[in-house]
Amino acid sequence: MGTSPKFIDGALAYRLAQMMDPDLDPEKQMLPWINPAFSEIIADNKCAFLDKSGTRQYGVMEELGRAWREARHIEKTVVDGKSIWVVTPK
């Protein structure tokens, strides 16, 4: 299980894979200011978890990494499409 971009629709995944820059963070390429073409393609697709019946479920997980990073004054920034982790002064 993961929270990074996951695609069930094979045709959509193939189309986006053709547009990806392998030197950049794949997740960041989904941001409109990094790759505007992606935003147009995925505009109608929403992230959701599906249960066994296919019903969309929301709020089923919690991001613990952000609280851990904040407690340690670690900030994630994006520079030229790549994630950079920086420890900030307390």
PDB file of N, CA and C in Angstrom:
ATOM      1  N   MET A   1       0.848  -1.180   0.000  1.00  0.00           N
ATOM      2  CA  MET A   1       0.000   0.000   0.000  1.00  0.00           C
ATOM      3  C   MET A   1       0.890   1.238   0.000  1.00  0.00           C
ATOM      4  N   GLY A   2       0.494   2.240  -0.711  1.00  0.00           N
ATOM      5  CA  GLY A   2       1.252   3.478  -0.763  1.00  0.00           C
ATOM      6  C   GLY A   2       0.340   4.638  -1.076  1.00  0.00           C
ATOM      7  N   THR A   3       0.852   5.826  -0.897  1.00  0.00           N
ATOM      8  CA  THR A   3       0.038   7.008  -1.176  1.00  0.00           C
ATOM      9  C   THR A   3       0.564   7.812  -2.352  1.00  0.00           C
ATOM     10  N   SER A   4       1.696   7.420  -2.902  1.00  0.00           N
ATOM     11  CA  SER A   4       2.203   8.108  -4.077  1.00  0.00           C
ATOM     12  C   SER A   4       1.286   7.813  -5.251  1.00  0.00           C
ATOM     13  N   PRO A   5       1.440   8.545  -6.347  1.00  0.00           N
ATOM     14  CA  PRO A   5       0.511   8.303  -7.448  1.00  0.00           C
ATOM     15  C   PRO A   5       0.442   6.832  -7.838  1.00  0.00           C
ATOM     16  N   LYS A   6      -0.754   6.310  -7.831  1.00  0.00           N
ATOM     17  CA  LYS A   6      -1.030   4.938  -8.255  1.00  0.00           C
ATOM     18  C   LYS A   6      -2.115   5.018  -9.317  1.00  0.00           C
ATOM     19  N   PHE A   7      -1.985   4.213 -10.337  1.00  0.00           N
ATOM     20  CA  PHE A   7      -2.955   4.249 -11.412  1.00  0.00           C
ATOM     21  C   PHE A   7      -3.492   2.853 -11.658  1.00  0.00           C
ATOM     22  N   ILE A   8      -4.806   2.732 -11.647  1.00  0.00           N
ATOM     23  CA  ILE A   8      -5.439   1.458 -11.938  1.00  0.00           C
ATOM     24  C   ILE A   8      -5.724   1.370 -13.435  1.00  0.00           C
ATOM     25  N   ASP A   9      -6.021   2.478 -14.045  1.00  0.00           N
ATOM     26  CA  ASP A   9      -6.326   2.519 -15.473  1.00  0.00           C
ATOM     27  C   ASP A   9      -5.022   2.403 -16.261  1.00  0.00           C
ATOM     28  N   GLY A  10      -4.794   1.261 -16.873  1.00  0.00           N
ATOM     29  CA  GLY A  10      -3.549   1.013 -17.597  1.00  0.00           C
ATOM     30  C   GLY A  10      -3.298   1.993 -18.723  1.00  0.00           C
ATOM     31  N   ALA A  11      -4.336   2.360 -19.453  1.00  0.00           N
ATOM     32  CA  ALA A  11      -4.167   3.304 -20.560  1.00  0.00           C
ATOM     33  C   ALA A  11      -3.719   4.672 -20.035  1.00  0.00           C
ATOM     34  N   LEU A  12      -4.288   5.102 -18.915  1.00  0.00           N
ATOM     35  CA  LEU A  12      -3.896   6.371 -18.314  1.00  0.00           C
ATOM     36  C   LEU A  12      -2.443   6.293 -17.832  1.00  0.00           C
ATOM     37  N   ALA A  13      -2.089   5.209 -17.169  1.00  0.00           N
ATOM     38  CA  ALA A  13      -0.720   5.048 -16.673  1.00  0.00           C
ATOM     39  C   ALA A  13       0.276   5.070 -17.836  1.00  0.00           C
ATOM     40  N   TYR A  14      -0.040   4.391 -18.908  1.00  0.00           N
ATOM     41  CA  TYR A  14       0.864   4.357 -20.061  1.00  0.00           C
ATOM     42  C   TYR A  14       1.021   5.757 -20.667  1.00  0.00           C
ATOM     43  N   ARG A  15      -0.086   6.458 -20.795  1.00  0.00           N
ATOM     44  CA  ARG A  15      -0.050   7.813 -21.376  1.00  0.00           C
ATOM     45  C   ARG A  15       0.811   8.756 -20.524  1.00  0.00           C
ATOM     46  N   LEU A  16       0.630   8.700 -19.203  1.00  0.00           N
ATOM     47  CA  LEU A  16       1.414   9.560 -18.323  1.00  0.00           C
ATOM     48  C   LEU A  16       2.882   9.141 -18.292  1.00  0.00           C
ATOM     49  N   ALA A  17       3.143   7.851 -18.347  1.00  0.00           N
ATOM     50  CA  ALA A  17       4.526   7.361 -18.346  1.00  0.00           C
ATOM     51  C   ALA A  17       5.296   7.894 -19.547  1.00  0.00           C
ATOM     52  N   GLN A  18       4.633   8.007 -20.664  1.00  0.00           N
ATOM     53  CA  GLN A  18       5.284   8.528 -21.868  1.00  0.00           C
ATOM     54  C   GLN A  18       5.708   9.988 -21.690  1.00  0.00           C
ATOM     55  N   MET A  19       5.030  10.709 -20.805  1.00  0.00           N
ATOM     56  CA  MET A  19       5.285  12.133 -20.606  1.00  0.00           C
ATOM     57  C   MET A  19       6.251  12.412 -19.455  1.00  0.00           C
ATOM     58  N   MET A  20       6.565  11.398 -18.648  1.00  0.00           N
ATOM     59  CA  MET A  20       7.396  11.623 -17.459  1.00  0.00           C
ATOM     60  C   MET A  20       8.855  11.844 -17.811  1.00  0.00           C
ATOM     61  N   ASP A  21       9.474  12.708 -17.034  1.00  0.00           N
ATOM     62  CA  ASP A  21      10.909  12.947 -17.120  1.00  0.00           C
ATOM     63  C   ASP A  21      11.555  12.073 -16.047  1.00  0.00           C
ATOM     64  N   PRO A  22      12.350  11.065 -16.410  1.00  0.00           N
ATOM     65  CA  PRO A  22      12.915  10.141 -15.422  1.00  0.00           C
ATOM     66  C   PRO A  22      13.895  10.801 -14.448  1.00  0.00           C
ATOM     67  N   ASP A  23      14.352  12.006 -14.733  1.00  0.00           N
ATOM     68  CA  ASP A  23      15.275  12.698 -13.842  1.00  0.00           C
ATOM     69  C   ASP A  23      14.561  13.483 -12.746  1.00  0.00           C
ATOM     70  N   LEU A  24      13.233  13.579 -12.828  1.00  0.00           N
ATOM     71  CA  LEU A  24      12.476  14.353 -11.843  1.00  0.00           C
ATOM     72  C   LEU A  24      11.682  13.439 -10.931  1.00  0.00           C
ATOM     73  N   ASP A  25      11.288  13.955  -9.785  1.00  0.00           N
ATOM     74  CA  ASP A  25      10.456  13.245  -8.823  1.00  0.00           C
ATOM     75  C   ASP A  25       9.104  12.960  -9.482  1.00  0.00           C
ATOM     76  N   PRO A  26       8.710  11.681  -9.615  1.00  0.00           N
ATOM     77  CA  PRO A  26       7.439  11.363 -10.295  1.00  0.00           C
ATOM     78  C   PRO A  26       6.225  12.038  -9.667  1.00  0.00           C
ATOM     79  N   GLU A  27       6.201  12.094  -8.348  1.00  0.00           N
ATOM     80  CA  GLU A  27       5.064  12.702  -7.662  1.00  0.00           C
ATOM     81  C   GLU A  27       4.956  14.191  -7.969  1.00  0.00           C
ATOM     82  N   LYS A  28       6.088  14.873  -8.035  1.00  0.00           N
ATOM     83  CA  LYS A  28       6.074  16.314  -8.291  1.00  0.00           C
ATOM     84  C   LYS A  28       5.653  16.629  -9.723  1.00  0.00           C
ATOM     85  N   GLN A  29       5.845  15.686 -10.622  1.00  0.00           N
ATOM     86  CA  GLN A  29       5.449  15.925 -12.003  1.00  0.00           C
ATOM     87  C   GLN A  29       3.933  16.016 -12.150  1.00  0.00           C
ATOM     88  N   MET A  30       3.202  15.634 -11.120  1.00  0.00           N
ATOM     89  CA  MET A  30       1.744  15.731 -11.141  1.00  0.00           C
ATOM     90  C   MET A  30       1.271  17.141 -10.799  1.00  0.00           C
ATOM     91  N   LEU A  31       2.178  18.007 -10.324  1.00  0.00           N
ATOM     92  CA  LEU A  31       1.810  19.373  -9.963  1.00  0.00           C
ATOM     93  C   LEU A  31       1.678  20.226 -11.219  1.00  0.00           C
ATOM     94  N   PRO A  32       0.647  21.064 -11.270  1.00  0.00           N
ATOM     95  CA  PRO A  32       0.381  21.827 -12.501  1.00  0.00           C
ATOM     96  C   PRO A  32       1.514  22.748 -12.932  1.00  0.00           C
ATOM     97  N   TRP A  33       2.273  23.304 -11.994  1.00  0.00           N
ATOM     98  CA  TRP A  33       3.339  24.222 -12.380  1.00  0.00           C
ATOM     99  C   TRP A  33       4.610  23.474 -12.800  1.00  0.00           C
ATOM    100  N   ILE A  34       4.692  22.176 -12.537  1.00  0.00           N
ATOM    101  CA  ILE A  34       5.832  21.368 -12.984  1.00  0.00           C
ATOM    102  C   ILE A  34       5.541  20.799 -14.378  1.00  0.00           C
ATOM    103  N   ASN A  35       4.349  20.236 -14.536  1.00  0.00           N
ATOM    104  CA  ASN A  35       3.987  19.628 -15.814  1.00  0.00           C
ATOM    105  C   ASN A  35       2.508  19.908 -16.095  1.00  0.00           C
ATOM    106  N   PRO A  36       2.204  21.068 -16.695  1.00  0.00           N
ATOM    107  CA  PRO A  36       0.799  21.449 -16.943  1.00  0.00           C
ATOM    108  C   PRO A  36       0.027  20.428 -17.768  1.00  0.00           C
ATOM    109  N   ALA A  37       0.696  19.723 -18.659  1.00  0.00           N
ATOM    110  CA  ALA A  37       0.000  18.735 -19.494  1.00  0.00           C
ATOM    111  C   ALA A  37      -0.591  17.614 -18.636  1.00  0.00           C
ATOM    112  N   PHE A  38       0.117  17.212 -17.576  1.00  0.00           N
ATOM    113  CA  PHE A  38      -0.411  16.182 -16.672  1.00  0.00           C
ATOM    114  C   PHE A  38      -1.723  16.644 -16.054  1.00  0.00           C
ATOM    115  N   SER A  39      -1.746  17.903 -15.603  1.00  0.00           N
ATOM    116  CA  SER A  39      -2.943  18.428 -14.942  1.00  0.00           C
ATOM    117  C   SER A  39      -4.163  18.332 -15.837  1.00  0.00           C
ATOM    118  N   GLU A  40      -3.980  18.617 -17.107  1.00  0.00           N
ATOM    119  CA  GLU A  40      -5.099  18.522 -18.042  1.00  0.00           C
ATOM    120  C   GLU A  40      -5.586  17.089 -18.172  1.00  0.00           C
ATOM    121  N   ILE A  41      -4.659  16.155 -18.230  1.00  0.00           N
ATOM    122  CA  ILE A  41      -5.026  14.753 -18.416  1.00  0.00           C
ATOM    123  C   ILE A  41      -5.701  14.177 -17.176  1.00  0.00           C
ATOM    124  N   ILE A  42      -5.202  14.521 -15.983  1.00  0.00           N
ATOM    125  CA  ILE A  42      -5.734  13.907 -14.767  1.00  0.00           C
ATOM    126  C   ILE A  42      -6.849  14.704 -14.104  1.00  0.00           C
ATOM    127  N   ALA A  43      -7.264  15.801 -14.715  1.00  0.00           N
ATOM    128  CA  ALA A  43      -8.284  16.666 -14.107  1.00  0.00           C
ATOM    129  C   ALA A  43      -9.555  15.917 -13.725  1.00  0.00           C
ATOM    130  N   ASP A  44      -9.932  14.930 -14.504  1.00  0.00           N
ATOM    131  CA  ASP A  44     -11.168  14.198 -14.227  1.00  0.00           C
ATOM    132  C   ASP A  44     -10.953  12.983 -13.341  1.00  0.00           C
ATOM    133  N   ASN A  45      -9.725  12.731 -12.930  1.00  0.00           N
ATOM    134  CA  ASN A  45      -9.420  11.571 -12.092  1.00  0.00           C
ATOM    135  C   ASN A  45      -9.154  12.029 -10.666  1.00  0.00           C
ATOM    136  N   LYS A  46      -9.805  11.417  -9.723  1.00  0.00           N
ATOM    137  CA  LYS A  46      -9.655  11.779  -8.314  1.00  0.00           C
ATOM    138  C   LYS A  46      -9.048  10.608  -7.545  1.00  0.00           C
ATOM    139  N   CYS A  47      -8.291  10.938  -6.517  1.00  0.00           N
ATOM    140  CA  CYS A  47      -7.678   9.920  -5.675  1.00  0.00           C
ATOM    141  C   CYS A  47      -8.707   9.424  -4.662  1.00  0.00           C
ATOM    142  N   ALA A  48      -8.829   8.128  -4.550  1.00  0.00           N
ATOM    143  CA  ALA A  48      -9.730   7.538  -3.558  1.00  0.00           C
ATOM    144  C   ALA A  48      -9.310   6.099  -3.323  1.00  0.00           C
ATOM    145  N   PHE A  49      -9.655   5.581  -2.181  1.00  0.00           N
ATOM    146  CA  PHE A  49      -9.463   4.173  -1.888  1.00  0.00           C
ATOM    147  C   PHE A  49     -10.794   3.484  -2.139  1.00  0.00           C
ATOM    148  N   LEU A  50     -10.752   2.321  -2.719  1.00  0.00           N
ATOM    149  CA  LEU A  50     -11.973   1.568  -2.983  1.00  0.00           C
ATOM    150  C   LEU A  50     -12.020   0.365  -2.054  1.00  0.00           C
ATOM    151  N   ASP A  51     -13.185   0.135  -1.437  1.00  0.00           N
ATOM    152  CA  ASP A  51     -13.316  -1.066  -0.623  1.00  0.00           C
ATOM    153  C   ASP A  51     -13.684  -2.248  -1.525  1.00  0.00           C
ATOM    154  N   LYS A  52     -13.915  -3.420  -0.947  1.00  0.00           N
ATOM    155  CA  LYS A  52     -14.182  -4.625  -1.745  1.00  0.00           C
ATOM    156  C   LYS A  52     -15.372  -4.475  -2.679  1.00  0.00           C
ATOM    157  N   SER A  53     -16.345  -3.659  -2.272  1.00  0.00           N
ATOM    158  CA  SER A  53     -17.535  -3.489  -3.111  1.00  0.00           C
ATOM    159  C   SER A  53     -17.327  -2.440  -4.201  1.00  0.00           C
ATOM    160  N   GLY A  54     -16.174  -1.749  -4.171  1.00  0.00           N
ATOM    161  CA  GLY A  54     -15.915  -0.706  -5.154  1.00  0.00           C
ATOM    162  C   GLY A  54     -16.367   0.669  -4.699  1.00  0.00           C
ATOM    163  N   THR A  55     -16.832   0.780  -3.449  1.00  0.00           N
ATOM    164  CA  THR A  55     -17.280   2.055  -2.898  1.00  0.00           C
ATOM    165  C   THR A  55     -16.062   2.887  -2.496  1.00  0.00           C
ATOM    166  N   ARG A  56     -16.081   4.159  -2.863  1.00  0.00           N
ATOM    167  CA  ARG A  56     -14.969   5.051  -2.508  1.00  0.00           C
ATOM    168  C   ARG A  56     -14.958   5.306  -1.002  1.00  0.00           C
ATOM    169  N   GLN A  57     -13.758   5.235  -0.421  1.00  0.00           N
ATOM    170  CA  GLN A  57     -13.564   5.491   1.001  1.00  0.00           C
ATOM    171  C   GLN A  57     -12.538   6.614   1.143  1.00  0.00           C
ATOM    172  N   TYR A  58     -12.818   7.574   2.001  1.00  0.00           N
ATOM    173  CA  TYR A  58     -11.907   8.690   2.221  1.00  0.00           C
ATOM    174  C   TYR A  58     -11.509   8.716   3.704  1.00  0.00           C
ATOM    175  N   GLY A  59     -10.379   9.316   3.995  1.00  0.00           N
ATOM    176  CA  GLY A  59      -9.957   9.463   5.385  1.00  0.00           C
ATOM    177  C   GLY A  59      -9.572   8.161   6.045  1.00  0.00           C
ATOM    178  N   VAL A  60      -9.024   7.225   5.275  1.00  0.00           N
ATOM    179  CA  VAL A  60      -8.691   5.927   5.846  1.00  0.00           C
ATOM    180  C   VAL A  60      -7.240   5.831   6.299  1.00  0.00           C
ATOM    181  N   MET A  61      -6.456   6.877   6.078  1.00  0.00           N
ATOM    182  CA  MET A  61      -5.073   6.866   6.551  1.00  0.00           C
ATOM    183  C   MET A  61      -4.659   8.253   6.999  1.00  0.00           C
ATOM    184  N   GLU A  62      -3.611   8.285   7.774  1.00  0.00           N
ATOM    185  CA  GLU A  62      -3.113   9.552   8.306  1.00  0.00           C
ATOM    186  C   GLU A  62      -1.639   9.687   7.939  1.00  0.00           C
ATOM    187  N   GLU A  63      -1.239  10.874   7.535  1.00  0.00           N
ATOM    188  CA  GLU A  63       0.155  11.162   7.177  1.00  0.00           C
ATOM    189  C   GLU A  63       0.930  11.424   8.455  1.00  0.00           C
ATOM    190  N   LEU A  64       1.808  10.505   8.853  1.00  0.00           N
ATOM    191  CA  LEU A  64       2.600  10.660  10.066  1.00  0.00           C
ATOM    192  C   LEU A  64       3.939  11.332   9.802  1.00  0.00           C
ATOM    193  N   GLY A  65       4.406  11.266   8.572  1.00  0.00           N
ATOM    194  CA  GLY A  65       5.715  11.813   8.229  1.00  0.00           C
ATOM    195  C   GLY A  65       5.816  13.310   8.427  1.00  0.00           C
ATOM    196  N   ARG A  66       4.741  14.030   8.142  1.00  0.00           N
ATOM    197  CA  ARG A  66       4.787  15.490   8.287  1.00  0.00           C
ATOM    198  C   ARG A  66       5.036  15.899   9.737  1.00  0.00           C
ATOM    199  N   ALA A  67       4.325  15.279  10.668  1.00  0.00           N
ATOM    200  CA  ALA A  67       4.508  15.604  12.088  1.00  0.00           C
ATOM    201  C   ALA A  67       5.923  15.255  12.534  1.00  0.00           C
ATOM    202  N   TRP A  68       6.443  14.133  12.074  1.00  0.00           N
ATOM    203  CA  TRP A  68       7.808  13.706  12.414  1.00  0.00           C
ATOM    204  C   TRP A  68       8.814  14.723  11.899  1.00  0.00           C
ATOM    205  N   ARG A  69       8.644  15.156  10.643  1.00  0.00           N
ATOM    206  CA  ARG A  69       9.563  16.141  10.065  1.00  0.00           C
ATOM    207  C   ARG A  69       9.462  17.483  10.785  1.00  0.00           C
ATOM    208  N   GLU A  70       8.242  17.917  11.083  1.00  0.00           N
ATOM    209  CA  GLU A  70       8.061  19.203  11.758  1.00  0.00           C
ATOM    210  C   GLU A  70       8.727  19.196  13.129  1.00  0.00           C
ATOM    211  N   ALA A  71       8.628  18.090  13.858  1.00  0.00           N
ATOM    212  CA  ALA A  71       9.244  17.988  15.184  1.00  0.00           C
ATOM    213  C   ALA A  71      10.762  18.095  15.090  1.00  0.00           C
ATOM    214  N   ARG A  72      11.314  17.749  13.952  1.00  0.00           N
ATOM    215  CA  ARG A  72      12.760  17.776  13.746  1.00  0.00           C
ATOM    216  C   ARG A  72      13.216  18.954  12.882  1.00  0.00           C
ATOM    217  N   HIS A  73      12.281  19.838  12.574  1.00  0.00           N
ATOM    218  CA  HIS A  73      12.562  21.038  11.771  1.00  0.00           C
ATOM    219  C   HIS A  73      13.145  20.674  10.403  1.00  0.00           C
ATOM    220  N   ILE A  74      12.569  19.674   9.793  1.00  0.00           N
ATOM    221  CA  ILE A  74      12.991  19.262   8.458  1.00  0.00           C
ATOM    222  C   ILE A  74      11.923  19.725   7.483  1.00  0.00           C
ATOM    223  N   GLU A  75      12.349  20.451   6.460  1.00  0.00           N
ATOM    224  CA  GLU A  75      11.409  20.947   5.461  1.00  0.00           C
ATOM    225  C   GLU A  75      11.708  20.314   4.110  1.00  0.00           C
ATOM    226  N   LYS A  76      10.655  19.983   3.410  1.00  0.00           N
ATOM    227  CA  LYS A  76      10.809  19.468   2.050  1.00  0.00           C
ATOM    228  C   LYS A  76      10.490  20.596   1.091  1.00  0.00           C
ATOM    229  N   THR A  77      11.393  20.862   0.183  1.00  0.00           N
ATOM    230  CA  THR A  77      11.156  21.859  -0.848  1.00  0.00           C
ATOM    231  C   THR A  77      11.383  21.208  -2.208  1.00  0.00           C
ATOM    232  N   VAL A  78      10.872  21.827  -3.220  1.00  0.00           N
ATOM    233  CA  VAL A  78      11.039  21.315  -4.583  1.00  0.00           C
ATOM    234  C   VAL A  78      11.909  22.301  -5.346  1.00  0.00           C
ATOM    235  N   VAL A  79      13.011  21.801  -5.868  1.00  0.00           N
ATOM    236  CA  VAL A  79      13.933  22.617  -6.652  1.00  0.00           C
ATOM    237  C   VAL A  79      14.091  21.957  -8.008  1.00  0.00           C
ATOM    238  N   ASP A  80      13.673  22.657  -9.048  1.00  0.00           N
ATOM    239  CA  ASP A  80      13.771  22.128 -10.412  1.00  0.00           C
ATOM    240  C   ASP A  80      13.133  20.753 -10.554  1.00  0.00           C
ATOM    241  N   GLY A  81      11.984  20.554  -9.905  1.00  0.00           N
ATOM    242  CA  GLY A  81      11.243  19.306 -10.043  1.00  0.00           C
ATOM    243  C   GLY A  81      11.751  18.159  -9.193  1.00  0.00           C
ATOM    244  N   LYS A  82      12.669  18.430  -8.276  1.00  0.00           N
ATOM    245  CA  LYS A  82      13.213  17.387  -7.399  1.00  0.00           C
ATOM    246  C   LYS A  82      12.992  17.771  -5.945  1.00  0.00           C
ATOM    247  N   SER A  83      12.671  16.775  -5.112  1.00  0.00           N
ATOM    248  CA  SER A  83      12.470  17.027  -3.684  1.00  0.00           C
ATOM    249  C   SER A  83      13.815  17.152  -2.995  1.00  0.00           C
ATOM    250  N   ILE A  84      13.935  18.195  -2.185  1.00  0.00           N
ATOM    251  CA  ILE A  84      15.144  18.452  -1.413  1.00  0.00           C
ATOM    252  C   ILE A  84      14.726  18.564   0.053  1.00  0.00           C
ATOM    253  N   TRP A  85      15.419  17.855   0.963  1.00  0.00           N
ATOM    254  CA  TRP A  85      15.120  17.900   2.397  1.00  0.00           C
ATOM    255  C   TRP A  85      16.155  18.774   3.078  1.00  0.00           C
ATOM    256  N   VAL A  86      15.676  19.766   3.844  1.00  0.00           N
ATOM    257  CA  VAL A  86      16.555  20.729   4.487  1.00  0.00           C
ATOM    258  C   VAL A  86      16.221  20.813   5.971  1.00  0.00           C
ATOM    259  N   VAL A  87      17.246  20.741   6.819  1.00  0.00           N
ATOM    260  CA  VAL A  87      17.048  20.951   8.267  1.00  0.00           C
ATOM    261  C   VAL A  87      17.142  22.447   8.510  1.00  0.00           C
ATOM    262  N   THR A  88      16.091  23.006   9.086  1.00  0.00           N
ATOM    263  CA  THR A  88      16.056  24.445   9.338  1.00  0.00           C
ATOM    264  C   THR A  88      16.475  24.729  10.778  1.00  0.00           C
ATOM    265  N   PRO A  89      17.053  25.897  11.036  1.00  0.00           N
ATOM    266  CA  PRO A  89      17.438  26.242  12.401  1.00  0.00           C
ATOM    267  C   PRO A  89      16.221  26.284  13.313  1.00  0.00           C
ATOM    268  N   LYS A  90      16.421  25.910  14.561  1.00  0.00           N
ATOM    269  CA  LYS A  90      15.310  25.904  15.550  1.00  0.00           C
ATOM    270  C   LYS A  90      15.011  27.296  16.023  1.00  0.00           C
TER     271      LYS A  90
END
